């Protein structure tokens, strides 16, 4: 519980001045004031899930903020130590349910790192990359639309869902699911692309490039939106590094770091060497470097970079197998390893340890949403109550990932 900070009158009055002409004592001069505690959530549309933020306010000024988590805790990591390696894969879909392909990928890479001699087919690697980047676009479209709702703009939300529905339809064609996919598997992917799927992905990229300009004009340059986000919730580069922020939260503060380029996995190193994509950074273009607008801008700009990566993969992909030589019952050699990937919200890390059996000895997840939330306690004091929604929304959290 946040302890209320009490204030007393700054003017010290003598006993004589506390007595009214009628002879009565002025009792109001003895009253001290205290900050008001306001519960934002746990069921609040701007918390993007079941999360409670306990705010302390002095009038319209926020003097303290404390996130309270755990409402969606499902013991995912403990389950990972009690089911077989492949059986845990569907649980990864449900961390960040807006980027399930990336969750599947992160866990699969961590397990594959312990399986000596396992070779991932080239076609599977490129299909994985296409799915991960399409899922990044779909996730950022949700971030775009819901942040507009937080600020008070309804129209961008419907625009964003137009293209997101197309991506979900593409995923449904390739794996039969629209939200929790379990498609990227240990050793590759579950099945090959259906006929015409890659061509439709290319058509989507063509259409999306035109639609992206609508997104930019509709919200990014919107005068009211800029006023609500510029110079609000400023996170300096030093503060971002101190709190271990990653992803758009870190790059929005101007820190040039992206795991796809700096610690490459799958085909990203090859794509980066070819100069096929750039890393968008916050520049303080509308206000102060590291403000809410910068973080939002990075996510919007990243969508176009993902389209570039998808195009590169479409040009490079060739026929071939999509699953490596993986036994039906997987036994992972004894050892331990950690793999971090660039999830839409930052570094999603999986630490797995094996004793040589069919079940993990230890399964630990580093969720970027959980880490990114830590900055709120230092970031929000001194801001206005009306800006708290804009600041929380700029973190783009998914509560299923904070709690797991």
Foldseek 3Di string as FASTA:
>chain_A
DDDKDKAADPDDDDQVVQADPVRHGNCVNVDIDTWDWDWQACDHLLLQHRKIWIFTHDVQFTAFIDIDAAPQFDCLFVVQQVAFLLVSLLVQCQQQQLQQLVSSVQSLVFLLVLAPPQDFDLQLLLVSLLSNLLSLLLLLLCLLQSLCVLLPHHVSNVLSVVLSVVSQVLLCQAANGRGRGSAAGNFGGDDDHDPPSLVVLVVSLVVVVVSLVVSCVVALPDPSNLVLWAPALAQALVNCVVLVAFALLNQQNVDPDACCDPVNDRCSVVCVVVVQADQDHHDCPSHDRRILSSSSVRSSVSSNRSSSSSVVSSVPRDDDDGGIPADPQHFGDFDKDKDWHQHSLGTWMWIFGHNRGRGTPGIDIDFNLLSLVVCCRVRRRRDTNSSPSSNSSSSSHNSSNNND
